[in-house]
Structures are given as C-alpha cells and as structure tokens.
Amino acid sequence: MSLLFLGFITGLSLILPLGAQNIFVIEQGLKKNYIFLVCLICTISDLILIFLGIFIFEYFQNFLTLKVNFFLNLLLLLFLLSYIWIKIKKEIYYKNILFKKENNTLSETVLKTLGFTYLNPHVYSDTVFFLGNFSKNFLFNQKIYFGLGASFASILFFFAIGYLSKHLSHHLQNAKAWKLINIFIIIFMVSLSFFVLSNLINFYISS
C-alpha cells in the first residue's frame, strides 16, 4: 500500500507542472470538445509509458539517445509553431465576426492529443526515465503497485482538469473571455517554443 501511495505522489508531482499537454486538455474542457476521449487518450498513453519505463528502463535508457531526444524536440517545436499559427489565424479571422466557439473534429482532436502527448520529450523523461530509474531496484510486485499508483495519479489529474474546465466553461460564454484564453494559450505556447528551441541550440553547441 505504501508503494501504491508513493507511486501516486511521485506521478502527481511529475504531472502537475503546467505543460503544453495540460493546456490542451484544459482548452478542450472549456470548449466541451470530446473531453472524455482526450482525457482517456492522455491517461492510457501515460499508463503505457509508465509501465514501459518501470519494466524495461534499461532498454529505453540505451534506445532513447541524445539524438533521438533532439529529433523529438525538433518535431515538438514544429508542432507547436503550427498550432500557434493556427491559433493566430483564427484570432485574426474571427476579429470582426460574431463570436463562435469553434471545436475540432473527432480526427483533429485525436491527432492533436496524440501530438501533444507523444511529441513531447518531457513525457518520456518523466515516465520512462524518471519513474523507470526510480523503481529499477524494486521487486516485481513492488513495481506493479508503484506503477498503479502513478497511473492513478494520471487518471485523476487529466479527468479532473478536463471536467473542471468544462464546469468553468459556463462562466466563459462570451467573446472577450475566449479571446483572453486564446491569447494566454498563444503566449504560453510561444514561451514553450523558445524553451524547446533553446534545448535544440544547446544540443547543437555541445555536439
């Protein structure tokens, strides 16, 4: 039971910091756009990566080299820039048009959720590397309890922010509120892009 709780606290501490994936989940909650599906994809992805890290950490430690991490950062940067550009275009396009809260289609939502999940190197550093390294000396049954605890933290967190955002959306049914939300998302994604770019530059300089 203590390892289950340890896994839960450890997993929650890793997932709590605000990131691109969390912002995307919150945005879909505010839009009431396939909330359950978005939360489900995020939690299943975390569960898979958590147990992959816990049980085959040594393999991933050798496989996910610095070059692979550089490639993932590059893909993430391109993905973020594309997302920012789409947001900016929508802000310009709807500037003088009656407010419309536009939702993504099912396929767009799935692809964007997968993109924000699997193109983010921090997802692998948190789940595969950190949790895998932390639990590498645990016995088999201890790994199971630890992994279940971390997985439960992901389930609780993603569904909480998704559905709490849905609840808050009732108070944000106006153009001004959504404009502020979109501006915040754009600024956050731009700052995140600069962070990813700095990682790429540091890799290039050090290599």
N, C-alpha and C. Protein backbone atom coordinates (compact mmCIF):
# COMPACT_ATOMS: atom_id res chain seq x y z
N MET A 1 0.84 -1.21 0.00
CA MET A 1 0.00 0.00 0.00
C MET A 1 0.87 1.26 0.00
N SER A 2 1.99 1.21 0.73
CA SER A 2 2.88 2.37 0.80
C SER A 2 3.47 2.68 -0.57
N LEU A 3 3.80 1.64 -1.35
CA LEU A 3 4.36 1.84 -2.69
C LEU A 3 3.29 2.36 -3.65
N LEU A 4 2.05 1.95 -3.44
CA LEU A 4 0.94 2.47 -4.25
C LEU A 4 0.81 3.98 -4.02
N PHE A 5 0.90 4.38 -2.76
CA PHE A 5 0.81 5.80 -2.41
C PHE A 5 2.04 6.55 -2.91
N LEU A 6 3.21 5.92 -2.78
CA LEU A 6 4.45 6.54 -3.26
C LEU A 6 4.38 6.78 -4.77
N GLY A 7 3.86 5.79 -5.50
CA GLY A 7 3.71 5.93 -6.94
C GLY A 7 2.74 7.05 -7.28
N PHE A 8 1.65 7.14 -6.51
CA PHE A 8 0.65 8.19 -6.74
C PHE A 8 1.24 9.58 -6.53
N ILE A 9 1.93 9.78 -5.41
CA ILE A 9 2.52 11.09 -5.09
C ILE A 9 3.61 11.44 -6.10
N THR A 10 4.44 10.46 -6.46
CA THR A 10 5.52 10.71 -7.42
C THR A 10 4.95 11.07 -8.79
N GLY A 11 3.97 10.29 -9.24
CA GLY A 11 3.35 10.56 -10.54
C GLY A 11 2.66 11.91 -10.58
N LEU A 12 1.98 12.25 -9.48
CA LEU A 12 1.26 13.53 -9.41
C LEU A 12 2.23 14.70 -9.42
N SER A 13 3.36 14.56 -8.73
CA SER A 13 4.34 15.65 -8.68
C SER A 13 4.97 15.89 -10.05
N LEU A 14 5.06 14.85 -10.87
CA LEU A 14 5.63 15.00 -12.20
C LEU A 14 4.65 15.61 -13.19
N ILE A 15 3.37 15.33 -13.00
CA ILE A 15 2.36 15.74 -13.98
C ILE A 15 1.75 17.11 -13.67
N LEU A 16 1.89 17.56 -12.42
CA LEU A 16 1.26 18.83 -12.01
C LEU A 16 1.80 20.07 -12.72
N PRO A 17 3.12 20.18 -12.96
CA PRO A 17 3.61 21.40 -13.63
C PRO A 17 2.91 21.65 -14.96
N LEU A 18 2.57 22.92 -15.22
CA LEU A 18 1.83 23.28 -16.42
C LEU A 18 2.66 23.03 -17.67
N GLY A 19 2.08 22.29 -18.61
CA GLY A 19 2.76 22.00 -19.87
C GLY A 19 1.79 22.09 -21.04
N ALA A 20 2.33 21.90 -22.24
CA ALA A 20 1.50 22.02 -23.44
C ALA A 20 0.34 21.03 -23.45
N GLN A 21 0.61 19.80 -23.00
CA GLN A 21 -0.44 18.78 -22.98
C GLN A 21 -1.56 19.16 -22.01
N ASN A 22 -1.18 19.66 -20.83
CA ASN A 22 -2.18 20.06 -19.83
C ASN A 22 -3.02 21.22 -20.33
N ILE A 23 -2.37 22.20 -20.97
CA ILE A 23 -3.09 23.35 -21.51
C ILE A 23 -4.08 22.90 -22.58
N PHE A 24 -3.67 21.96 -23.42
CA PHE A 24 -4.56 21.45 -24.48
C PHE A 24 -5.78 20.75 -23.87
N VAL A 25 -5.58 19.94 -22.84
CA VAL A 25 -6.69 19.25 -22.17
C VAL A 25 -7.65 20.27 -21.57
N ILE A 26 -7.11 21.30 -20.92
CA ILE A 26 -7.94 22.35 -20.33
C ILE A 26 -8.75 23.07 -21.40
N GLU A 27 -8.10 23.35 -22.53
CA GLU A 27 -8.79 24.05 -23.62
C GLU A 27 -9.95 23.22 -24.16
N GLN A 28 -9.73 21.91 -24.33
CA GLN A 28 -10.81 21.05 -24.82
C GLN A 28 -11.95 20.96 -23.81
N GLY A 29 -11.60 21.00 -22.52
CA GLY A 29 -12.63 21.00 -21.48
C GLY A 29 -13.47 22.26 -21.54
N LEU A 30 -12.81 23.40 -21.71
CA LEU A 30 -13.52 24.68 -21.81
C LEU A 30 -14.44 24.71 -23.03
N LYS A 31 -14.00 24.06 -24.11
CA LYS A 31 -14.79 24.02 -25.34
C LYS A 31 -15.83 22.90 -25.33
N LYS A 32 -15.77 22.03 -24.30
CA LYS A 32 -16.63 20.84 -24.23
C LYS A 32 -16.46 19.99 -25.49
N ASN A 33 -15.23 19.81 -25.87
CA ASN A 33 -14.90 19.15 -27.14
C ASN A 33 -14.24 17.79 -26.89
N TYR A 34 -15.03 16.71 -26.99
CA TYR A 34 -14.52 15.34 -26.83
C TYR A 34 -13.68 15.21 -25.55
N ILE A 35 -14.19 15.73 -24.44
CA ILE A 35 -13.40 15.76 -23.20
C ILE A 35 -13.01 14.36 -22.74
N PHE A 36 -13.98 13.45 -22.72
CA PHE A 36 -13.70 12.10 -22.24
C PHE A 36 -12.64 11.44 -23.09
N LEU A 37 -12.74 11.58 -24.41
CA LEU A 37 -11.79 10.95 -25.32
C LEU A 37 -10.39 11.53 -25.13
N VAL A 38 -10.29 12.84 -25.01
CA VAL A 38 -8.99 13.50 -24.80
C VAL A 38 -8.35 13.02 -23.50
N CYS A 39 -9.12 13.00 -22.42
CA CYS A 39 -8.60 12.54 -21.13
C CYS A 39 -8.22 11.07 -21.18
N LEU A 40 -9.02 10.27 -21.89
CA LEU A 40 -8.75 8.84 -22.00
C LEU A 40 -7.46 8.58 -22.75
N ILE A 41 -7.24 9.28 -23.86
CA ILE A 41 -6.01 9.11 -24.65
C ILE A 41 -4.79 9.47 -23.80
N CYS A 42 -4.88 10.58 -23.08
CA CYS A 42 -3.76 11.03 -22.24
C CYS A 42 -3.45 10.02 -21.13
N THR A 43 -4.48 9.51 -20.48
CA THR A 43 -4.26 8.58 -19.36
C THR A 43 -3.76 7.22 -19.85
N ILE A 44 -4.32 6.71 -20.94
CA ILE A 44 -3.85 5.42 -21.48
C ILE A 44 -2.40 5.54 -21.95
N SER A 45 -2.08 6.67 -22.58
CA SER A 45 -0.70 6.90 -23.03
C SER A 45 0.26 6.93 -21.85
N ASP A 46 -0.14 7.63 -20.79
CA ASP A 46 0.70 7.69 -19.58
C ASP A 46 0.86 6.30 -18.97
N LEU A 47 -0.23 5.55 -18.90
CA LEU A 47 -0.18 4.20 -18.32
C LEU A 47 0.80 3.33 -19.09
N ILE A 48 0.73 3.37 -20.42
CA ILE A 48 1.63 2.57 -21.26
C ILE A 48 3.08 2.96 -21.02
N LEU A 49 3.35 4.27 -21.04
CA LEU A 49 4.73 4.75 -20.88
C LEU A 49 5.26 4.51 -19.48
N ILE A 50 4.39 4.64 -18.47
CA ILE A 50 4.80 4.39 -17.09
C ILE A 50 5.29 2.96 -16.92
N PHE A 51 4.50 1.99 -17.41
CA PHE A 51 4.87 0.59 -17.21
C PHE A 51 6.00 0.16 -18.14
N LEU A 52 6.11 0.80 -19.31
CA LEU A 52 7.27 0.53 -20.16
C LEU A 52 8.54 0.99 -19.45
N GLY A 53 8.47 2.17 -18.84
CA GLY A 53 9.63 2.69 -18.12
C GLY A 53 9.98 1.85 -16.92
N ILE A 54 8.98 1.41 -16.17
CA ILE A 54 9.22 0.64 -14.96
C ILE A 54 9.82 -0.73 -15.25
N PHE A 55 9.34 -1.38 -16.31
CA PHE A 55 9.77 -2.77 -16.56
C PHE A 55 10.92 -2.91 -17.55
N ILE A 56 11.10 -1.96 -18.44
CA ILE A 56 12.22 -2.10 -19.39
C ILE A 56 13.02 -0.80 -19.45
N PHE A 57 13.30 -0.24 -18.28
CA PHE A 57 14.04 1.01 -18.20
C PHE A 57 15.41 0.91 -18.86
N GLU A 58 16.11 -0.15 -18.61
CA GLU A 58 17.47 -0.28 -19.14
C GLU A 58 17.49 -0.24 -20.66
N TYR A 59 16.47 -0.86 -21.28
CA TYR A 59 16.40 -0.87 -22.75
C TYR A 59 16.16 0.55 -23.27
N PHE A 60 15.21 1.24 -22.69
CA PHE A 60 14.90 2.59 -23.15
C PHE A 60 16.03 3.56 -22.84
N GLN A 61 16.77 3.30 -21.78
CA GLN A 61 17.90 4.15 -21.43
C GLN A 61 18.93 4.13 -22.55
N ASN A 62 19.10 2.97 -23.18
CA ASN A 62 20.06 2.85 -24.28
C ASN A 62 19.46 3.28 -25.61
N PHE A 63 18.15 3.11 -25.76
CA PHE A 63 17.50 3.38 -27.05
C PHE A 63 17.25 4.87 -27.27
N LEU A 64 16.74 5.54 -26.22
CA LEU A 64 16.42 6.97 -26.35
C LEU A 64 17.68 7.80 -26.12
N THR A 65 18.52 7.86 -27.15
CA THR A 65 19.78 8.59 -27.08
C THR A 65 19.53 10.09 -27.19
N LEU A 66 20.61 10.87 -27.08
CA LEU A 66 20.51 12.32 -27.20
C LEU A 66 20.02 12.73 -28.58
N LYS A 67 20.42 11.97 -29.61
CA LYS A 67 19.99 12.30 -30.97
C LYS A 67 18.49 12.09 -31.13
N VAL A 68 17.97 11.03 -30.51
CA VAL A 68 16.53 10.78 -30.56
C VAL A 68 15.80 11.89 -29.82
N ASN A 69 16.34 12.31 -28.69
CA ASN A 69 15.75 13.40 -27.92
C ASN A 69 15.76 14.71 -28.71
N PHE A 70 16.85 14.93 -29.46
CA PHE A 70 16.95 16.12 -30.32
C PHE A 70 15.86 16.07 -31.40
N PHE A 71 15.68 14.92 -31.99
CA PHE A 71 14.67 14.75 -33.04
C PHE A 71 13.26 14.99 -32.50
N LEU A 72 12.98 14.47 -31.30
CA LEU A 72 11.67 14.68 -30.67
C LEU A 72 11.44 16.16 -30.35
N ASN A 73 12.48 16.83 -29.89
CA ASN A 73 12.37 18.26 -29.61
C ASN A 73 12.11 19.06 -30.88
N LEU A 74 12.75 18.65 -31.98
CA LEU A 74 12.55 19.32 -33.26
C LEU A 74 11.11 19.15 -33.74
N LEU A 75 10.60 17.91 -33.64
CA LEU A 75 9.21 17.65 -34.03
C LEU A 75 8.23 18.44 -33.16
N LEU A 76 8.52 18.49 -31.86
CA LEU A 76 7.66 19.23 -30.94
C LEU A 76 7.65 20.72 -31.29
N LEU A 77 8.81 21.27 -31.62
CA LEU A 77 8.90 22.68 -31.99
C LEU A 77 8.05 22.97 -33.23
N LEU A 78 8.16 22.13 -34.24
CA LEU A 78 7.39 22.30 -35.47
C LEU A 78 5.89 22.18 -35.18
N PHE A 79 5.54 21.23 -34.34
CA PHE A 79 4.14 21.02 -33.96
C PHE A 79 3.60 22.24 -33.23
N LEU A 80 4.37 22.78 -32.30
CA LEU A 80 3.95 23.95 -31.53
C LEU A 80 3.80 25.18 -32.43
N LEU A 81 4.75 25.38 -33.34
CA LEU A 81 4.69 26.52 -34.25
C LEU A 81 3.46 26.44 -35.15
N SER A 82 3.15 25.23 -35.60
CA SER A 82 1.96 25.03 -36.43
C SER A 82 0.69 25.35 -35.63
N TYR A 83 0.65 24.88 -34.38
CA TYR A 83 -0.51 25.11 -33.51
C TYR A 83 -0.67 26.61 -33.22
N ILE A 84 0.44 27.30 -32.97
CA ILE A 84 0.41 28.74 -32.70
C ILE A 84 -0.11 29.50 -33.91
N TRP A 85 0.38 29.12 -35.10
CA TRP A 85 -0.03 29.80 -36.33
C TRP A 85 -1.53 29.64 -36.58
N ILE A 86 -2.04 28.45 -36.32
CA ILE A 86 -3.49 28.21 -36.49
C ILE A 86 -4.28 29.07 -35.52
N LYS A 87 -3.80 29.17 -34.27
CA LYS A 87 -4.47 29.99 -33.26
C LYS A 87 -4.49 31.45 -33.67
N ILE A 88 -3.35 31.94 -34.15
CA ILE A 88 -3.24 33.35 -34.55
C ILE A 88 -4.16 33.64 -35.73
N LYS A 89 -4.19 32.72 -36.70
CA LYS A 89 -5.06 32.91 -37.87
C LYS A 89 -6.52 32.99 -37.46
N LYS A 90 -6.93 32.13 -36.50
CA LYS A 90 -8.31 32.14 -36.05
C LYS A 90 -8.65 33.44 -35.33
N GLU A 91 -7.68 33.97 -34.56
CA GLU A 91 -7.88 35.24 -33.86
C GLU A 91 -8.10 36.37 -34.87
N ILE A 92 -7.30 36.36 -35.94
CA ILE A 92 -7.42 37.40 -36.97
C ILE A 92 -8.73 37.23 -37.74
N TYR A 93 -9.06 35.97 -38.09
CA TYR A 93 -10.23 35.70 -38.92
C TYR A 93 -11.54 36.05 -38.21
N TYR A 94 -11.60 35.75 -36.90
CA TYR A 94 -12.84 35.98 -36.15
C TYR A 94 -12.89 37.35 -35.47
N LYS A 95 -11.92 38.22 -35.80
CA LYS A 95 -11.83 39.50 -35.13
C LYS A 95 -13.11 40.34 -35.27
N ASN A 96 -13.65 40.36 -36.48
CA ASN A 96 -14.83 41.19 -36.74
C ASN A 96 -16.07 40.35 -37.05
N ILE A 97 -16.06 39.13 -36.59
CA ILE A 97 -17.18 38.22 -36.85
C ILE A 97 -17.86 37.89 -35.52
N LEU A 98 -19.14 37.62 -35.55
CA LEU A 98 -19.89 37.24 -34.36
C LEU A 98 -19.19 36.07 -33.66
N PHE A 99 -19.09 36.16 -32.36
CA PHE A 99 -18.36 35.14 -31.58
C PHE A 99 -18.85 33.73 -31.88
N LYS A 100 -17.86 32.88 -32.12
CA LYS A 100 -18.16 31.48 -32.39
C LYS A 100 -17.08 30.62 -31.74
N LYS A 101 -17.50 29.76 -30.84
CA LYS A 101 -16.56 28.86 -30.16
C LYS A 101 -16.36 27.63 -31.04
N GLU A 102 -15.28 27.63 -31.81
CA GLU A 102 -15.06 26.58 -32.79
C GLU A 102 -14.41 25.35 -32.17
N ASN A 103 -14.97 24.19 -32.43
CA ASN A 103 -14.42 22.94 -31.93
C ASN A 103 -13.71 22.18 -33.03
N ASN A 104 -12.77 21.33 -32.62
CA ASN A 104 -12.09 20.46 -33.57
C ASN A 104 -12.99 19.27 -33.90
N THR A 105 -12.75 18.67 -35.06
CA THR A 105 -13.45 17.44 -35.41
C THR A 105 -12.86 16.30 -34.59
N LEU A 106 -13.48 15.13 -34.65
CA LEU A 106 -13.00 13.96 -33.91
C LEU A 106 -11.57 13.61 -34.31
N SER A 107 -11.32 13.54 -35.61
CA SER A 107 -9.98 13.16 -36.10
C SER A 107 -8.94 14.21 -35.71
N GLU A 108 -9.29 15.50 -35.82
CA GLU A 108 -8.37 16.57 -35.44
C GLU A 108 -8.05 16.50 -33.95
N THR A 109 -9.07 16.24 -33.15
CA THR A 109 -8.87 16.16 -31.71
C THR A 109 -7.95 15.01 -31.34
N VAL A 110 -8.17 13.84 -31.94
CA VAL A 110 -7.33 12.67 -31.66
C VAL A 110 -5.89 12.93 -32.06
N LEU A 111 -5.68 13.47 -33.25
CA LEU A 111 -4.32 13.73 -33.76
C LEU A 111 -3.60 14.76 -32.89
N LYS A 112 -4.29 15.82 -32.50
CA LYS A 112 -3.67 16.85 -31.68
C LYS A 112 -3.34 16.31 -30.28
N THR A 113 -4.24 15.50 -29.73
CA THR A 113 -3.98 14.90 -28.42
C THR A 113 -2.77 13.99 -28.47
N LEU A 114 -2.68 13.18 -29.51
CA LEU A 114 -1.52 12.29 -29.68
C LEU A 114 -0.25 13.10 -29.89
N GLY A 115 -0.37 14.20 -30.64
CA GLY A 115 0.79 15.05 -30.89
C GLY A 115 1.32 15.67 -29.62
N PHE A 116 0.42 16.27 -28.82
CA PHE A 116 0.84 16.89 -27.57
C PHE A 116 1.35 15.87 -26.56
N THR A 117 0.99 14.61 -26.75
CA THR A 117 1.44 13.55 -25.84
C THR A 117 2.76 12.95 -26.28
N TYR A 118 2.82 12.42 -27.49
CA TYR A 118 3.98 11.63 -27.91
C TYR A 118 5.11 12.43 -28.55
N LEU A 119 4.87 13.69 -28.91
CA LEU A 119 5.95 14.51 -29.45
C LEU A 119 6.64 15.32 -28.37
N ASN A 120 6.21 15.14 -27.14
CA ASN A 120 6.77 15.88 -26.02
C ASN A 120 7.85 15.06 -25.31
N PRO A 121 9.12 15.43 -25.44
CA PRO A 121 10.20 14.67 -24.79
C PRO A 121 10.05 14.57 -23.28
N HIS A 122 9.39 15.58 -22.67
CA HIS A 122 9.23 15.57 -21.21
C HIS A 122 8.31 14.44 -20.75
N VAL A 123 7.42 14.00 -21.63
CA VAL A 123 6.57 12.86 -21.30
C VAL A 123 7.44 11.62 -21.07
N TYR A 124 8.44 11.45 -21.94
CA TYR A 124 9.34 10.29 -21.81
C TYR A 124 10.30 10.46 -20.63
N SER A 125 10.79 11.68 -20.42
CA SER A 125 11.72 11.89 -19.30
C SER A 125 11.03 11.65 -17.97
N ASP A 126 9.74 12.03 -17.88
CA ASP A 126 9.00 11.85 -16.62
C ASP A 126 8.60 10.40 -16.40
N THR A 127 8.04 9.77 -17.43
CA THR A 127 7.50 8.42 -17.26
C THR A 127 8.58 7.35 -17.43
N VAL A 128 9.22 7.32 -18.60
CA VAL A 128 10.18 6.25 -18.89
C VAL A 128 11.45 6.41 -18.07
N PHE A 129 12.06 7.59 -18.10
CA PHE A 129 13.35 7.77 -17.45
C PHE A 129 13.24 7.92 -15.94
N PHE A 130 12.44 8.89 -15.49
CA PHE A 130 12.41 9.15 -14.04
C PHE A 130 11.77 8.00 -13.27
N LEU A 131 10.54 7.63 -13.65
CA LEU A 131 9.85 6.55 -12.93
C LEU A 131 10.56 5.22 -13.11
N GLY A 132 11.09 4.99 -14.33
CA GLY A 132 11.83 3.76 -14.57
C GLY A 132 13.08 3.68 -13.73
N ASN A 133 13.83 4.77 -13.66
CA ASN A 133 15.06 4.81 -12.87
C ASN A 133 14.76 4.73 -11.38
N PHE A 134 13.71 5.44 -10.95
CA PHE A 134 13.34 5.47 -9.53
C PHE A 134 12.97 4.08 -9.01
N SER A 135 12.32 3.29 -9.87
CA SER A 135 11.80 1.99 -9.42
C SER A 135 12.65 0.81 -9.89
N LYS A 136 13.83 1.07 -10.42
CA LYS A 136 14.61 -0.01 -11.04
C LYS A 136 15.04 -1.09 -10.05
N ASN A 137 15.15 -0.76 -8.77
CA ASN A 137 15.58 -1.73 -7.77
C ASN A 137 14.41 -2.37 -7.02
N PHE A 138 13.17 -2.03 -7.42
CA PHE A 138 12.01 -2.62 -6.78
C PHE A 138 11.82 -4.06 -7.24
N LEU A 139 11.18 -4.87 -6.39
CA LEU A 139 10.79 -6.22 -6.78
C LEU A 139 9.61 -6.14 -7.75
N PHE A 140 9.31 -7.25 -8.42
CA PHE A 140 8.26 -7.25 -9.45
C PHE A 140 6.92 -6.74 -8.92
N ASN A 141 6.46 -7.29 -7.79
CA ASN A 141 5.16 -6.87 -7.24
C ASN A 141 5.21 -5.43 -6.75
N GLN A 142 6.38 -4.98 -6.29
CA GLN A 142 6.53 -3.59 -5.86
C GLN A 142 6.43 -2.65 -7.06
N LYS A 143 6.99 -3.07 -8.19
CA LYS A 143 6.88 -2.27 -9.43
C LYS A 143 5.42 -2.13 -9.85
N ILE A 144 4.66 -3.21 -9.70
CA ILE A 144 3.23 -3.19 -10.06
C ILE A 144 2.49 -2.14 -9.24
N TYR A 145 2.68 -2.18 -7.91
CA TYR A 145 2.00 -1.23 -7.03
C TYR A 145 2.43 0.21 -7.32
N PHE A 146 3.72 0.39 -7.53
CA PHE A 146 4.25 1.72 -7.81
C PHE A 146 3.68 2.25 -9.13
N GLY A 147 3.64 1.39 -10.15
CA GLY A 147 3.11 1.79 -11.45
C GLY A 147 1.62 2.09 -11.40
N LEU A 148 0.86 1.31 -10.64
CA LEU A 148 -0.57 1.55 -10.49
C LEU A 148 -0.83 2.88 -9.80
N GLY A 149 -0.02 3.18 -8.79
CA GLY A 149 -0.16 4.46 -8.09
C GLY A 149 0.09 5.64 -9.01
N ALA A 150 1.17 5.56 -9.81
CA ALA A 150 1.49 6.63 -10.75
C ALA A 150 0.42 6.75 -11.83
N SER A 151 -0.10 5.61 -12.28
CA SER A 151 -1.15 5.61 -13.30
C SER A 151 -2.43 6.24 -12.77
N PHE A 152 -2.78 5.93 -11.52
CA PHE A 152 -3.98 6.51 -10.92
C PHE A 152 -3.86 8.03 -10.81
N ALA A 153 -2.65 8.50 -10.54
CA ALA A 153 -2.41 9.95 -10.47
C ALA A 153 -2.71 10.60 -11.82
N SER A 154 -2.28 9.95 -12.90
CA SER A 154 -2.54 10.48 -14.25
C SER A 154 -4.03 10.49 -14.56
N ILE A 155 -4.71 9.39 -14.22
CA ILE A 155 -6.15 9.29 -14.47
C ILE A 155 -6.89 10.40 -13.73
N LEU A 156 -6.59 10.55 -12.44
CA LEU A 156 -7.24 11.56 -11.62
C LEU A 156 -6.96 12.96 -12.13
N PHE A 157 -5.72 13.22 -12.48
CA PHE A 157 -5.31 14.56 -12.90
C PHE A 157 -5.97 14.97 -14.21
N PHE A 158 -5.86 14.13 -15.24
CA PHE A 158 -6.37 14.52 -16.56
C PHE A 158 -7.89 14.67 -16.57
N PHE A 159 -8.58 13.73 -15.93
CA PHE A 159 -10.05 13.83 -15.90
C PHE A 159 -10.50 15.00 -15.02
N ALA A 160 -9.71 15.31 -13.98
CA ALA A 160 -10.05 16.45 -13.12
C ALA A 160 -9.93 17.76 -13.87
N ILE A 161 -8.81 17.98 -14.55
CA ILE A 161 -8.63 19.26 -15.25
C ILE A 161 -9.57 19.37 -16.45
N GLY A 162 -9.86 18.20 -17.10
CA GLY A 162 -10.77 18.22 -18.24
C GLY A 162 -12.18 18.60 -17.84
N TYR A 163 -12.70 17.96 -16.80
CA TYR A 163 -14.10 18.19 -16.42
C TYR A 163 -14.28 19.42 -15.53
N LEU A 164 -13.24 19.81 -14.81
CA LEU A 164 -13.32 21.09 -14.08
C LEU A 164 -13.35 22.25 -15.07
N SER A 165 -12.59 22.10 -16.16
CA SER A 165 -12.61 23.13 -17.21
C SER A 165 -13.98 23.19 -17.86
N LYS A 166 -14.60 22.03 -18.05
CA LYS A 166 -15.95 22.00 -18.62
C LYS A 166 -16.92 22.75 -17.71
N HIS A 167 -16.78 22.53 -16.40
CA HIS A 167 -17.65 23.21 -15.45
C HIS A 167 -17.45 24.73 -15.49
N LEU A 168 -16.19 25.14 -15.61
CA LEU A 168 -15.88 26.58 -15.65
C LEU A 168 -16.32 27.23 -16.95
N SER A 169 -16.51 26.42 -18.00
CA SER A 169 -16.87 26.98 -19.30
C SER A 169 -18.21 27.72 -19.26
N HIS A 170 -19.07 27.38 -18.29
CA HIS A 170 -20.36 28.07 -18.16
C HIS A 170 -20.17 29.56 -17.84
N HIS A 171 -19.03 29.87 -17.23
CA HIS A 171 -18.77 31.25 -16.85
C HIS A 171 -17.96 32.00 -17.92
N LEU A 172 -17.68 31.31 -19.03
CA LEU A 172 -16.81 31.91 -20.05
C LEU A 172 -17.48 31.93 -21.42
N GLN A 173 -18.80 32.05 -21.43
CA GLN A 173 -19.53 32.02 -22.70
C GLN A 173 -19.65 33.41 -23.33
N ASN A 174 -18.51 34.03 -23.56
CA ASN A 174 -18.52 35.31 -24.27
C ASN A 174 -17.22 35.48 -25.04
N ALA A 175 -17.26 36.35 -26.04
CA ALA A 175 -16.13 36.51 -26.95
C ALA A 175 -14.89 37.05 -26.22
N LYS A 176 -15.10 37.98 -25.29
CA LYS A 176 -13.96 38.59 -24.59
C LYS A 176 -13.20 37.54 -23.77
N ALA A 177 -13.93 36.69 -23.07
CA ALA A 177 -13.29 35.65 -22.24
C ALA A 177 -12.49 34.70 -23.11
N TRP A 178 -13.07 34.28 -24.23
CA TRP A 178 -12.37 33.33 -25.10
C TRP A 178 -11.18 33.99 -25.80
N LYS A 179 -11.28 35.27 -26.07
CA LYS A 179 -10.15 35.99 -26.66
C LYS A 179 -8.97 35.98 -25.69
N LEU A 180 -9.26 36.24 -24.40
CA LEU A 180 -8.21 36.23 -23.38
C LEU A 180 -7.61 34.84 -23.22
N ILE A 181 -8.46 33.82 -23.27
CA ILE A 181 -7.98 32.43 -23.16
C ILE A 181 -7.05 32.10 -24.32
N ASN A 182 -7.48 32.45 -25.53
CA ASN A 182 -6.66 32.16 -26.72
C ASN A 182 -5.34 32.93 -26.70
N ILE A 183 -5.38 34.17 -26.23
CA ILE A 183 -4.14 34.95 -26.12
C ILE A 183 -3.19 34.31 -25.12
N PHE A 184 -3.75 33.85 -23.98
CA PHE A 184 -2.92 33.16 -22.97
C PHE A 184 -2.29 31.90 -23.57
N ILE A 185 -3.09 31.12 -24.31
CA ILE A 185 -2.59 29.88 -24.90
C ILE A 185 -1.47 30.19 -25.90
N ILE A 186 -1.68 31.23 -26.72
CA ILE A 186 -0.67 31.60 -27.71
C ILE A 186 0.63 32.01 -27.02
N ILE A 187 0.53 32.86 -25.99
CA ILE A 187 1.71 33.32 -25.26
C ILE A 187 2.43 32.15 -24.60
N PHE A 188 1.65 31.26 -23.99
CA PHE A 188 2.24 30.10 -23.31
C PHE A 188 2.96 29.20 -24.31
N MET A 189 2.32 28.93 -25.46
CA MET A 189 2.92 28.06 -26.48
C MET A 189 4.17 28.71 -27.09
N VAL A 190 4.15 30.02 -27.25
CA VAL A 190 5.32 30.73 -27.78
C VAL A 190 6.49 30.61 -26.80
N SER A 191 6.22 30.82 -25.51
CA SER A 191 7.28 30.70 -24.50
C SER A 191 7.81 29.28 -24.44
N LEU A 192 6.92 28.31 -24.58
CA LEU A 192 7.33 26.91 -24.60
C LEU A 192 8.18 26.62 -25.83
N SER A 193 7.84 27.23 -26.96
CA SER A 193 8.61 27.05 -28.20
C SER A 193 10.04 27.58 -28.03
N PHE A 194 10.18 28.73 -27.35
CA PHE A 194 11.51 29.27 -27.09
C PHE A 194 12.32 28.34 -26.19
N PHE A 195 11.64 27.72 -25.22
CA PHE A 195 12.32 26.77 -24.34
C PHE A 195 12.82 25.55 -25.13
N VAL A 196 11.97 25.02 -26.00
CA VAL A 196 12.36 23.87 -26.83
C VAL A 196 13.48 24.27 -27.78
N LEU A 197 13.39 25.48 -28.35
CA LEU A 197 14.43 25.97 -29.26
C LEU A 197 15.76 26.09 -28.54
N SER A 198 15.74 26.56 -27.29
CA SER A 198 16.98 26.68 -26.51
C SER A 198 17.61 25.32 -26.28
N ASN A 199 16.78 24.29 -26.07
CA ASN A 199 17.29 22.92 -25.91
C ASN A 199 17.97 22.44 -27.18
N LEU A 200 17.37 22.77 -28.33
CA LEU A 200 17.95 22.38 -29.62
C LEU A 200 19.28 23.09 -29.85
N ILE A 201 19.33 24.38 -29.52
CA ILE A 201 20.57 25.15 -29.69
C ILE A 201 21.67 24.62 -28.78
N ASN A 202 21.32 24.32 -27.54
CA ASN A 202 22.31 23.77 -26.58
C ASN A 202 22.84 22.43 -27.06
N PHE A 203 21.96 21.61 -27.63
CA PHE A 203 22.40 20.32 -28.15
C PHE A 203 23.37 20.52 -29.31
N TYR A 204 23.02 21.48 -30.20
CA TYR A 204 23.85 21.75 -31.38
C TYR A 204 25.23 22.27 -30.96
N ILE A 205 25.26 23.14 -29.95
CA ILE A 205 26.52 23.72 -29.48
C ILE A 205 27.40 22.67 -28.83
N SER A 206 26.77 21.80 -28.03
CA SER A 206 27.53 20.80 -27.28
C SER A 206 27.98 19.61 -28.12
N SER A 207 27.31 19.42 -29.29
CA SER A 207 27.66 18.26 -30.12
C SER A 207 28.81 18.58 -31.08
